[in-house]
């Protein structure tokens, strides 16, 4: 149905306005998406803009999966701001994203921007949190991990698999890992902002 509607729209050459609650449909069928919240437009943009640069926590949570951490901005140093998470760990976010945030904030990281490592990387550009693999789901082209942090946070990490890895990978449950992600992909929103 999606491909048929898209084909008809391209063939006729007119603008379609398609209303859906299905985020996957919106992402695959649209050149531009308007995300609505409580009857108001929260953000308009291409599917990539909406996914990679959501303007609010609502949009980030509504389009695509997200790992959300609560905390407060503890300081700024060069291109990075430090957010002290409620779980006690510090993570870095782009300073520009946190510059005007005061009080409680939410740090959002997409599962596909995260990776697993055996040791915490010694890099100012990477964030890392310790955790334990609780579940591994093989989804053909990628693995989806459910990770529990020592502080009770539940994280989702999605890692792509090469053809060779799909044939040889043996996922290990209860393995101790570090969940890592580039500080540059951390999104920061003021708590309670829609």
N, C-alpha and C. Protein backbone atom coordinates (compact mmCIF):
# COMPACT_ATOMS: atom_id res chain seq x y z
N UNK A 1 0.82 -1.18 0.00
CA UNK A 1 0.00 0.00 0.00
C UNK A 1 0.87 1.26 0.00
N UNK A 2 1.93 1.27 0.88
CA UNK A 2 2.81 2.44 0.96
C UNK A 2 3.46 2.73 -0.38
N UNK A 3 4.02 1.70 -1.01
CA UNK A 3 4.72 1.91 -2.27
C UNK A 3 3.74 2.31 -3.37
N UNK A 4 2.53 1.76 -3.34
CA UNK A 4 1.52 2.10 -4.34
C UNK A 4 1.08 3.56 -4.21
N UNK A 5 0.84 4.03 -3.00
CA UNK A 5 0.47 5.43 -2.78
C UNK A 5 1.60 6.36 -3.21
N UNK A 6 2.82 6.00 -2.88
CA UNK A 6 3.98 6.81 -3.27
C UNK A 6 4.11 6.86 -4.79
N UNK A 7 3.91 5.71 -5.45
CA UNK A 7 3.99 5.66 -6.92
C UNK A 7 2.92 6.55 -7.55
N UNK A 8 1.69 6.47 -7.06
CA UNK A 8 0.59 7.29 -7.60
C UNK A 8 0.91 8.77 -7.41
N UNK A 9 1.38 9.14 -6.25
CA UNK A 9 1.71 10.55 -5.97
C UNK A 9 2.77 11.05 -6.94
N UNK A 10 3.81 10.28 -7.15
CA UNK A 10 4.90 10.68 -8.07
C UNK A 10 4.38 10.75 -9.51
N UNK A 11 3.55 9.78 -9.89
CA UNK A 11 3.03 9.72 -11.25
C UNK A 11 2.12 10.91 -11.55
N UNK A 12 1.26 11.25 -10.63
CA UNK A 12 0.31 12.35 -10.83
C UNK A 12 1.02 13.70 -10.65
N UNK A 13 2.01 13.73 -9.76
CA UNK A 13 2.79 14.95 -9.58
C UNK A 13 2.10 16.01 -8.72
N UNK A 14 1.24 15.57 -7.84
CA UNK A 14 0.60 16.54 -6.94
C UNK A 14 1.02 16.27 -5.50
N UNK A 15 0.77 17.26 -4.66
CA UNK A 15 1.10 17.12 -3.24
C UNK A 15 0.04 16.29 -2.55
N UNK A 16 0.49 15.32 -1.77
CA UNK A 16 -0.40 14.53 -0.93
C UNK A 16 -0.21 14.97 0.51
N UNK A 17 -1.28 15.06 1.25
CA UNK A 17 -1.18 15.21 2.70
C UNK A 17 -1.71 13.90 3.27
N UNK A 18 -0.83 13.19 3.93
CA UNK A 18 -1.14 11.86 4.44
C UNK A 18 -1.09 11.93 5.96
N UNK A 19 -2.19 11.60 6.60
CA UNK A 19 -2.26 11.66 8.06
C UNK A 19 -2.15 10.24 8.61
N UNK A 20 -1.20 10.04 9.52
CA UNK A 20 -1.00 8.70 10.09
C UNK A 20 -0.44 8.82 11.51
N UNK A 21 -0.70 7.80 12.29
CA UNK A 21 -0.08 7.67 13.62
C UNK A 21 1.09 6.69 13.57
N UNK A 22 1.30 6.09 12.40
CA UNK A 22 2.35 5.10 12.22
C UNK A 22 3.64 5.81 11.81
N UNK A 23 4.60 5.86 12.73
CA UNK A 23 5.85 6.58 12.48
C UNK A 23 6.62 5.98 11.30
N UNK A 24 6.61 4.65 11.18
CA UNK A 24 7.32 4.02 10.06
C UNK A 24 6.73 4.45 8.72
N UNK A 25 5.39 4.51 8.64
CA UNK A 25 4.75 4.99 7.42
C UNK A 25 5.17 6.42 7.11
N UNK A 26 5.12 7.26 8.12
CA UNK A 26 5.50 8.67 7.91
C UNK A 26 6.93 8.77 7.42
N UNK A 27 7.84 8.01 8.01
CA UNK A 27 9.26 8.08 7.63
C UNK A 27 9.51 7.56 6.21
N UNK A 28 8.80 6.50 5.81
CA UNK A 28 9.09 5.90 4.50
C UNK A 28 8.34 6.57 3.36
N UNK A 29 7.20 7.19 3.63
CA UNK A 29 6.38 7.75 2.55
C UNK A 29 6.55 9.24 2.35
N UNK A 30 7.16 9.93 3.27
CA UNK A 30 7.11 11.40 3.25
C UNK A 30 8.41 12.04 2.82
N UNK A 31 8.27 13.15 2.08
CA UNK A 31 9.40 14.02 1.81
C UNK A 31 9.58 14.98 2.98
N UNK A 32 8.44 15.37 3.59
CA UNK A 32 8.44 16.26 4.76
C UNK A 32 7.38 15.73 5.73
N UNK A 33 7.70 15.87 7.00
CA UNK A 33 6.81 15.39 8.06
C UNK A 33 6.48 16.56 8.98
N UNK A 34 5.22 16.64 9.38
CA UNK A 34 4.83 17.58 10.42
C UNK A 34 4.40 16.74 11.62
N UNK A 35 5.13 16.86 12.73
CA UNK A 35 4.80 16.13 13.95
C UNK A 35 3.90 17.04 14.78
N UNK A 36 2.74 16.51 15.15
CA UNK A 36 1.77 17.28 15.92
C UNK A 36 1.79 16.83 17.38
N UNK A 37 1.61 17.79 18.29
CA UNK A 37 1.51 17.51 19.71
C UNK A 37 0.41 18.39 20.28
N UNK A 38 -0.64 17.78 20.80
CA UNK A 38 -1.78 18.50 21.38
C UNK A 38 -2.38 19.50 20.41
N UNK A 39 -2.52 19.09 19.16
CA UNK A 39 -3.16 19.93 18.16
C UNK A 39 -2.29 21.02 17.57
N UNK A 40 -1.01 21.05 17.93
CA UNK A 40 -0.08 22.07 17.41
C UNK A 40 1.08 21.37 16.71
N UNK A 41 1.63 22.06 15.72
CA UNK A 41 2.81 21.51 15.03
C UNK A 41 4.02 21.67 15.94
N UNK A 42 4.65 20.54 16.26
CA UNK A 42 5.85 20.55 17.10
C UNK A 42 7.11 20.73 16.26
N UNK A 43 7.13 20.14 15.05
CA UNK A 43 8.29 20.26 14.17
C UNK A 43 7.90 19.84 12.77
N UNK A 44 8.47 20.52 11.78
CA UNK A 44 8.31 20.16 10.37
C UNK A 44 9.70 19.98 9.81
N UNK A 45 9.90 18.90 9.04
CA UNK A 45 11.20 18.68 8.43
C UNK A 45 11.21 17.39 7.63
N UNK A 46 12.36 17.10 7.03
CA UNK A 46 12.52 15.84 6.32
C UNK A 46 12.56 14.71 7.36
N UNK A 47 12.32 13.48 6.93
CA UNK A 47 12.43 12.37 7.89
C UNK A 47 13.79 12.35 8.60
N UNK A 48 14.87 12.61 7.86
CA UNK A 48 16.20 12.60 8.47
C UNK A 48 16.35 13.73 9.49
N UNK A 49 15.86 14.94 9.17
CA UNK A 49 15.94 16.05 10.12
C UNK A 49 15.16 15.75 11.40
N UNK A 50 13.97 15.21 11.23
CA UNK A 50 13.13 14.91 12.40
C UNK A 50 13.80 13.86 13.28
N UNK A 51 14.40 12.85 12.65
CA UNK A 51 15.03 11.76 13.41
C UNK A 51 16.34 12.20 14.05
N UNK A 52 17.21 12.86 13.27
CA UNK A 52 18.54 13.22 13.77
C UNK A 52 18.55 14.48 14.62
N UNK A 53 17.65 15.44 14.34
CA UNK A 53 17.66 16.71 15.06
C UNK A 53 16.25 17.08 15.53
N UNK A 54 15.65 16.26 16.37
CA UNK A 54 14.31 16.61 16.87
C UNK A 54 14.38 17.90 17.68
N UNK A 55 13.33 18.70 17.58
CA UNK A 55 13.35 20.01 18.25
C UNK A 55 12.90 19.94 19.71
N UNK A 56 12.21 18.87 20.08
CA UNK A 56 11.73 18.73 21.47
C UNK A 56 11.85 17.28 21.92
N UNK A 57 11.75 17.08 23.21
CA UNK A 57 11.76 15.73 23.76
C UNK A 57 10.57 14.93 23.23
N UNK A 58 9.42 15.57 23.08
CA UNK A 58 8.25 14.88 22.54
C UNK A 58 8.55 14.32 21.15
N UNK A 59 9.12 15.15 20.27
CA UNK A 59 9.42 14.70 18.90
C UNK A 59 10.45 13.58 18.93
N UNK A 60 11.48 13.70 19.75
CA UNK A 60 12.52 12.67 19.86
C UNK A 60 11.93 11.34 20.31
N UNK A 61 10.99 11.41 21.24
CA UNK A 61 10.38 10.20 21.78
C UNK A 61 9.33 9.62 20.83
N UNK A 62 8.68 10.50 20.07
CA UNK A 62 7.59 10.07 19.18
C UNK A 62 8.12 9.41 17.91
N UNK A 63 9.18 9.97 17.34
CA UNK A 63 9.74 9.45 16.09
C UNK A 63 10.99 8.63 16.41
N UNK A 64 10.90 7.33 16.25
CA UNK A 64 12.04 6.48 16.50
C UNK A 64 12.19 6.12 17.96
N UNK A 65 13.03 5.15 18.21
CA UNK A 65 13.30 4.71 19.59
C UNK A 65 14.36 5.61 20.21
N UNK A 66 14.29 5.77 21.52
CA UNK A 66 15.24 6.63 22.22
C UNK A 66 15.59 6.05 23.58
N UNK A 67 16.83 6.27 23.98
CA UNK A 67 17.24 6.06 25.36
C UNK A 67 17.24 7.45 26.01
N UNK A 68 16.53 7.59 27.12
CA UNK A 68 16.39 8.90 27.77
C UNK A 68 16.98 8.82 29.17
N UNK A 69 17.89 9.78 29.44
CA UNK A 69 18.50 9.89 30.75
C UNK A 69 18.08 11.22 31.36
N UNK A 70 17.81 11.24 32.66
CA UNK A 70 17.45 12.48 33.35
C UNK A 70 18.66 12.98 34.13
N UNK A 71 18.81 14.30 34.23
CA UNK A 71 19.92 14.86 34.98
C UNK A 71 19.86 16.37 34.99
N UNK A 72 21.02 17.00 35.20
CA UNK A 72 21.11 18.46 35.16
C UNK A 72 22.49 18.86 34.60
N UNK A 73 22.52 20.03 33.96
CA UNK A 73 23.77 20.51 33.39
C UNK A 73 24.70 20.92 34.52
N UNK A 74 25.90 20.31 34.56
CA UNK A 74 26.85 20.56 35.65
C UNK A 74 27.96 21.52 35.26
N UNK A 75 28.13 21.78 33.96
CA UNK A 75 29.18 22.71 33.54
C UNK A 75 29.45 22.63 32.06
N UNK A 76 30.27 23.58 31.59
CA UNK A 76 30.65 23.67 30.17
C UNK A 76 32.16 23.73 30.08
N UNK A 77 32.72 23.04 29.09
CA UNK A 77 34.15 23.11 28.83
C UNK A 77 34.36 22.94 27.33
N UNK A 78 34.72 24.03 26.66
CA UNK A 78 34.92 23.99 25.23
C UNK A 78 33.66 23.59 24.51
N UNK A 79 33.77 22.60 23.60
CA UNK A 79 32.61 22.22 22.80
C UNK A 79 31.59 21.36 23.56
N UNK A 80 31.94 20.96 24.80
CA UNK A 80 31.09 20.01 25.53
C UNK A 80 30.49 20.63 26.78
N UNK A 81 29.29 20.17 27.10
CA UNK A 81 28.68 20.45 28.40
C UNK A 81 28.63 19.12 29.13
N UNK A 82 28.81 19.15 30.43
CA UNK A 82 28.70 17.94 31.23
C UNK A 82 27.32 17.90 31.86
N UNK A 83 26.66 16.76 31.70
CA UNK A 83 25.36 16.55 32.35
C UNK A 83 25.56 15.48 33.41
N UNK A 84 25.25 15.83 34.65
CA UNK A 84 25.30 14.86 35.75
C UNK A 84 23.95 14.15 35.76
N UNK A 85 23.98 12.87 35.41
CA UNK A 85 22.74 12.09 35.36
C UNK A 85 22.23 11.77 36.75
N UNK A 86 20.94 11.58 36.88
CA UNK A 86 20.35 11.22 38.17
C UNK A 86 20.93 9.91 38.71
N UNK A 87 21.46 9.08 37.81
CA UNK A 87 22.05 7.81 38.24
C UNK A 87 23.47 7.99 38.75
N UNK A 88 23.99 9.24 38.72
CA UNK A 88 25.30 9.52 39.29
C UNK A 88 26.44 9.61 38.30
N UNK A 89 26.22 9.22 37.07
CA UNK A 89 27.29 9.28 36.05
C UNK A 89 27.25 10.63 35.33
N UNK A 90 28.39 11.01 34.78
CA UNK A 90 28.48 12.22 33.97
C UNK A 90 28.58 11.82 32.50
N UNK A 91 27.87 12.55 31.64
CA UNK A 91 27.99 12.35 30.20
C UNK A 91 28.17 13.72 29.57
N UNK A 92 28.74 13.71 28.36
CA UNK A 92 28.95 14.96 27.64
C UNK A 92 27.92 15.08 26.52
N UNK A 93 27.50 16.33 26.31
CA UNK A 93 26.60 16.69 25.22
C UNK A 93 27.20 17.90 24.53
N UNK A 94 26.83 18.19 23.29
CA UNK A 94 27.34 19.41 22.67
C UNK A 94 26.96 20.63 23.51
N UNK A 95 27.92 21.49 23.74
CA UNK A 95 27.71 22.65 24.59
C UNK A 95 26.56 23.51 24.08
N UNK A 96 26.45 23.64 22.76
CA UNK A 96 25.37 24.46 22.18
C UNK A 96 24.00 23.89 22.53
N UNK A 97 23.88 22.57 22.62
CA UNK A 97 22.59 21.95 22.93
C UNK A 97 22.18 22.18 24.37
N UNK A 98 23.14 22.44 25.26
CA UNK A 98 22.84 22.57 26.68
C UNK A 98 23.04 24.00 27.20
N UNK A 99 23.49 24.91 26.34
CA UNK A 99 23.86 26.24 26.79
C UNK A 99 22.76 26.96 27.55
N UNK A 100 21.53 26.89 27.08
CA UNK A 100 20.46 27.64 27.71
C UNK A 100 19.59 26.77 28.62
N UNK A 101 20.04 25.57 28.89
CA UNK A 101 19.25 24.68 29.73
C UNK A 101 19.63 24.88 31.19
N UNK A 102 18.65 25.15 32.00
CA UNK A 102 18.88 25.27 33.45
C UNK A 102 17.93 24.30 34.14
N UNK A 103 18.32 23.83 35.28
CA UNK A 103 17.47 22.87 36.00
C UNK A 103 17.58 21.49 35.40
N UNK A 104 16.50 20.72 35.51
CA UNK A 104 16.50 19.34 35.03
C UNK A 104 16.48 19.28 33.52
N UNK A 105 17.24 18.33 32.97
CA UNK A 105 17.28 18.11 31.53
C UNK A 105 17.12 16.62 31.24
N UNK A 106 16.78 16.34 30.00
CA UNK A 106 16.74 14.97 29.49
C UNK A 106 17.78 14.86 28.38
N UNK A 107 18.63 13.85 28.48
CA UNK A 107 19.60 13.54 27.43
C UNK A 107 19.03 12.36 26.66
N UNK A 108 18.94 12.53 25.34
CA UNK A 108 18.35 11.51 24.48
C UNK A 108 19.43 10.98 23.53
N UNK A 109 19.51 9.64 23.43
CA UNK A 109 20.46 9.01 22.52
C UNK A 109 19.72 7.89 21.79
N UNK A 110 19.81 7.91 20.47
CA UNK A 110 19.17 6.87 19.65
C UNK A 110 19.92 5.54 19.84
N UNK A 111 19.20 4.42 19.91
CA UNK A 111 19.85 3.11 20.08
C UNK A 111 20.87 2.77 19.00
N UNK A 112 20.63 3.25 17.77
CA UNK A 112 21.56 2.94 16.68
C UNK A 112 22.78 3.85 16.68
N UNK A 113 22.84 4.83 17.59
CA UNK A 113 24.04 5.65 17.74
C UNK A 113 24.96 5.09 18.82
N UNK A 114 24.51 4.05 19.49
CA UNK A 114 25.28 3.44 20.59
C UNK A 114 25.99 2.19 20.10
N UNK A 115 27.03 1.81 20.84
CA UNK A 115 27.76 0.58 20.53
C UNK A 115 28.20 -0.04 21.85
N UNK A 116 28.61 -1.29 21.79
CA UNK A 116 29.11 -1.99 22.98
C UNK A 116 30.62 -2.14 22.88
N UNK A 117 31.28 -1.98 24.02
CA UNK A 117 32.74 -2.15 24.10
C UNK A 117 33.06 -2.94 25.36
N UNK A 118 34.18 -3.68 25.32
CA UNK A 118 34.57 -4.44 26.52
C UNK A 118 35.16 -3.55 27.60
N UNK A 119 35.81 -2.45 27.19
CA UNK A 119 36.38 -1.51 28.16
C UNK A 119 35.92 -0.10 27.80
N UNK A 120 35.88 0.76 28.79
CA UNK A 120 35.47 2.14 28.55
C UNK A 120 36.55 2.85 27.75
N UNK A 121 36.19 3.46 26.63
CA UNK A 121 37.19 4.14 25.81
C UNK A 121 37.69 5.42 26.49
N UNK A 122 38.99 5.68 26.45
CA UNK A 122 39.54 6.88 27.09
C UNK A 122 39.49 8.09 26.14
N UNK A 123 38.29 8.53 25.80
CA UNK A 123 38.14 9.61 24.84
C UNK A 123 37.16 10.64 25.35
N UNK A 124 37.50 11.91 25.22
CA UNK A 124 36.60 12.99 25.63
C UNK A 124 35.42 13.11 24.68
N UNK A 125 35.55 12.53 23.49
CA UNK A 125 34.48 12.62 22.51
C UNK A 125 33.46 11.49 22.62
N UNK A 126 33.74 10.51 23.49
CA UNK A 126 32.83 9.37 23.65
C UNK A 126 32.31 9.30 25.08
N UNK A 127 31.03 9.02 25.20
CA UNK A 127 30.43 8.73 26.51
C UNK A 127 30.44 7.22 26.71
N UNK A 128 30.47 6.79 27.96
CA UNK A 128 30.44 5.36 28.25
C UNK A 128 29.74 5.13 29.59
N UNK A 129 28.87 4.14 29.61
CA UNK A 129 28.22 3.71 30.84
C UNK A 129 28.37 2.20 30.97
N UNK A 130 28.68 1.70 32.16
CA UNK A 130 28.78 0.25 32.32
C UNK A 130 27.39 -0.38 32.33
N UNK A 131 27.36 -1.64 31.93
CA UNK A 131 26.08 -2.35 31.95
C UNK A 131 26.27 -3.84 31.77
N UNK A 132 25.14 -4.53 31.83
CA UNK A 132 25.12 -5.98 31.66
C UNK A 132 24.12 -6.33 30.57
N UNK A 133 24.54 -7.17 29.63
CA UNK A 133 23.64 -7.61 28.57
C UNK A 133 22.58 -8.52 29.18
N UNK A 134 21.31 -8.14 29.02
CA UNK A 134 20.21 -8.93 29.57
C UNK A 134 19.47 -9.73 28.51
N UNK A 135 19.47 -9.20 27.28
CA UNK A 135 18.80 -9.90 26.19
C UNK A 135 19.43 -9.48 24.88
N UNK A 136 19.52 -10.45 23.95
CA UNK A 136 20.03 -10.17 22.62
C UNK A 136 19.00 -10.69 21.63
N UNK A 137 18.57 -9.82 20.72
CA UNK A 137 17.62 -10.22 19.69
C UNK A 137 18.30 -10.12 18.33
N UNK A 138 18.33 -11.24 17.62
CA UNK A 138 18.89 -11.27 16.27
C UNK A 138 17.80 -10.82 15.31
N UNK A 139 18.03 -9.71 14.59
CA UNK A 139 17.01 -9.16 13.69
C UNK A 139 17.51 -9.11 12.25
N UNK A 140 18.29 -10.12 11.86
CA UNK A 140 18.75 -10.22 10.48
C UNK A 140 19.96 -9.36 10.20
N UNK A 141 19.73 -8.08 9.95
CA UNK A 141 20.83 -7.18 9.59
C UNK A 141 21.47 -6.53 10.80
N UNK A 142 20.89 -6.73 11.97
CA UNK A 142 21.45 -6.12 13.17
C UNK A 142 21.05 -6.91 14.42
N UNK A 143 21.76 -6.61 15.51
CA UNK A 143 21.42 -7.16 16.81
C UNK A 143 20.85 -6.05 17.66
N UNK A 144 19.83 -6.39 18.44
CA UNK A 144 19.28 -5.44 19.40
C UNK A 144 19.55 -5.97 20.79
N UNK A 145 20.25 -5.15 21.58
CA UNK A 145 20.63 -5.54 22.93
C UNK A 145 19.76 -4.80 23.95
N UNK A 146 19.35 -5.52 24.99
CA UNK A 146 18.74 -4.90 26.17
C UNK A 146 19.83 -4.91 27.23
N UNK A 147 20.19 -3.72 27.70
CA UNK A 147 21.29 -3.56 28.65
C UNK A 147 20.75 -2.99 29.95
N UNK A 148 21.17 -3.56 31.08
CA UNK A 148 20.82 -3.03 32.40
C UNK A 148 22.06 -2.36 32.98
N UNK A 149 21.91 -1.11 33.43
CA UNK A 149 23.03 -0.44 34.07
C UNK A 149 23.01 -0.80 35.55
N UNK A 150 24.12 -0.59 36.27
CA UNK A 150 24.14 -0.88 37.70
C UNK A 150 23.13 -0.05 38.50
N UNK A 151 22.66 1.05 37.88
CA UNK A 151 21.74 1.95 38.58
C UNK A 151 20.28 1.67 38.24
N UNK A 152 20.02 0.60 37.48
CA UNK A 152 18.65 0.23 37.17
C UNK A 152 18.10 0.77 35.86
N UNK A 153 18.89 1.54 35.13
CA UNK A 153 18.45 2.03 33.82
C UNK A 153 18.40 0.85 32.84
N UNK A 154 17.41 0.86 31.96
CA UNK A 154 17.31 -0.13 30.89
C UNK A 154 17.60 0.57 29.57
N UNK A 155 18.61 0.13 28.86
CA UNK A 155 19.01 0.75 27.60
C UNK A 155 18.81 -0.22 26.45
N UNK A 156 18.55 0.33 25.28
CA UNK A 156 18.48 -0.45 24.05
C UNK A 156 19.62 0.00 23.15
N UNK A 157 20.38 -0.97 22.64
CA UNK A 157 21.49 -0.70 21.74
C UNK A 157 21.27 -1.53 20.48
N UNK A 158 21.40 -0.89 19.33
CA UNK A 158 21.25 -1.58 18.05
C UNK A 158 22.56 -1.49 17.30
N UNK A 159 23.13 -2.65 16.97
CA UNK A 159 24.39 -2.70 16.22
C UNK A 159 24.19 -3.46 14.92
N UNK A 160 24.63 -2.86 13.79
CA UNK A 160 24.52 -3.55 12.50
C UNK A 160 25.46 -4.75 12.43
N UNK A 161 25.10 -5.69 11.59
CA UNK A 161 25.93 -6.88 11.40
C UNK A 161 26.36 -6.99 9.95
N UNK A 162 27.62 -7.34 9.73
CA UNK A 162 28.08 -7.65 8.38
C UNK A 162 27.58 -9.05 8.03
N UNK A 163 27.70 -9.42 6.76
CA UNK A 163 27.28 -10.75 6.33
C UNK A 163 28.04 -11.82 7.11
N UNK A 164 29.35 -11.63 7.28
CA UNK A 164 30.18 -12.60 8.00
C UNK A 164 29.72 -12.72 9.46
N UNK A 165 29.46 -11.59 10.09
CA UNK A 165 29.03 -11.61 11.50
C UNK A 165 27.69 -12.32 11.67
N UNK A 166 26.79 -12.17 10.69
CA UNK A 166 25.48 -12.84 10.80
C UNK A 166 25.63 -14.35 10.87
N UNK A 167 26.71 -14.87 10.27
CA UNK A 167 26.92 -16.32 10.26
C UNK A 167 27.71 -16.81 11.47
N UNK A 168 28.48 -15.92 12.11
CA UNK A 168 29.40 -16.38 13.15
C UNK A 168 29.13 -15.84 14.55
N UNK A 169 28.32 -14.80 14.67
CA UNK A 169 28.15 -14.14 15.97
C UNK A 169 27.42 -15.06 16.96
N UNK A 170 27.92 -15.08 18.16
CA UNK A 170 27.27 -15.82 19.23
C UNK A 170 27.03 -14.83 20.38
N UNK A 171 25.84 -14.27 20.46
CA UNK A 171 25.56 -13.28 21.49
C UNK A 171 25.65 -13.87 22.90
N UNK A 172 26.20 -13.10 23.83
CA UNK A 172 26.36 -13.56 25.20
C UNK A 172 25.50 -12.74 26.16
N UNK A 173 24.58 -13.40 26.82
CA UNK A 173 23.77 -12.76 27.86
C UNK A 173 24.57 -12.76 29.16
N UNK A 174 24.36 -11.77 30.00
CA UNK A 174 25.05 -11.57 31.28
C UNK A 174 26.49 -11.11 31.13
N UNK A 175 26.90 -10.75 29.92
CA UNK A 175 28.25 -10.22 29.68
C UNK A 175 28.31 -8.77 30.18
N UNK A 176 29.41 -8.42 30.85
CA UNK A 176 29.64 -7.05 31.30
C UNK A 176 30.18 -6.24 30.12
N UNK A 177 29.58 -5.08 29.87
CA UNK A 177 29.97 -4.26 28.72
C UNK A 177 29.99 -2.79 29.13
N UNK A 178 30.45 -1.97 28.22
CA UNK A 178 30.32 -0.52 28.33
C UNK A 178 29.51 -0.08 27.12
N UNK A 179 28.42 0.64 27.37
CA UNK A 179 27.63 1.21 26.29
C UNK A 179 28.29 2.55 25.95
N UNK A 180 28.70 2.71 24.69
CA UNK A 180 29.40 3.93 24.28
C UNK A 180 28.61 4.64 23.19
N UNK A 181 28.82 5.95 23.11
CA UNK A 181 28.25 6.73 22.02
C UNK A 181 29.00 8.05 21.91
N UNK A 182 29.10 8.58 20.68
CA UNK A 182 29.76 9.87 20.50
C UNK A 182 28.99 10.96 21.23
N UNK A 183 29.70 11.82 21.95
CA UNK A 183 29.05 12.92 22.65
C UNK A 183 28.29 13.80 21.68
N UNK A 184 28.76 13.87 20.44
CA UNK A 184 28.15 14.75 19.45
C UNK A 184 26.72 14.36 19.07
N UNK A 185 26.32 13.10 19.32
CA UNK A 185 24.96 12.68 18.96
C UNK A 185 24.00 12.75 20.14
N UNK A 186 24.48 13.19 21.30
CA UNK A 186 23.62 13.35 22.47
C UNK A 186 22.74 14.57 22.28
N UNK A 187 21.45 14.38 22.45
CA UNK A 187 20.50 15.49 22.38
C UNK A 187 20.17 15.90 23.81
N UNK A 188 19.93 17.17 24.04
CA UNK A 188 19.66 17.67 25.39
C UNK A 188 18.43 18.57 25.36
N UNK A 189 17.44 18.25 26.19
CA UNK A 189 16.20 19.02 26.26
C UNK A 189 15.88 19.38 27.70
N UNK A 190 15.32 20.55 27.88
CA UNK A 190 14.88 20.97 29.21
C UNK A 190 13.74 20.06 29.65
N UNK A 191 13.81 19.57 30.86
CA UNK A 191 12.79 18.67 31.41
C UNK A 191 11.44 19.39 31.43
N UNK A 192 10.41 18.68 30.95
CA UNK A 192 9.07 19.24 30.96
C UNK A 192 8.72 20.04 29.73
N UNK A 193 9.70 20.26 28.82
CA UNK A 193 9.40 20.98 27.57
C UNK A 193 8.79 20.01 26.59
N UNK A 194 7.71 20.43 25.96
CA UNK A 194 7.10 19.59 24.91
C UNK A 194 7.63 20.00 23.60
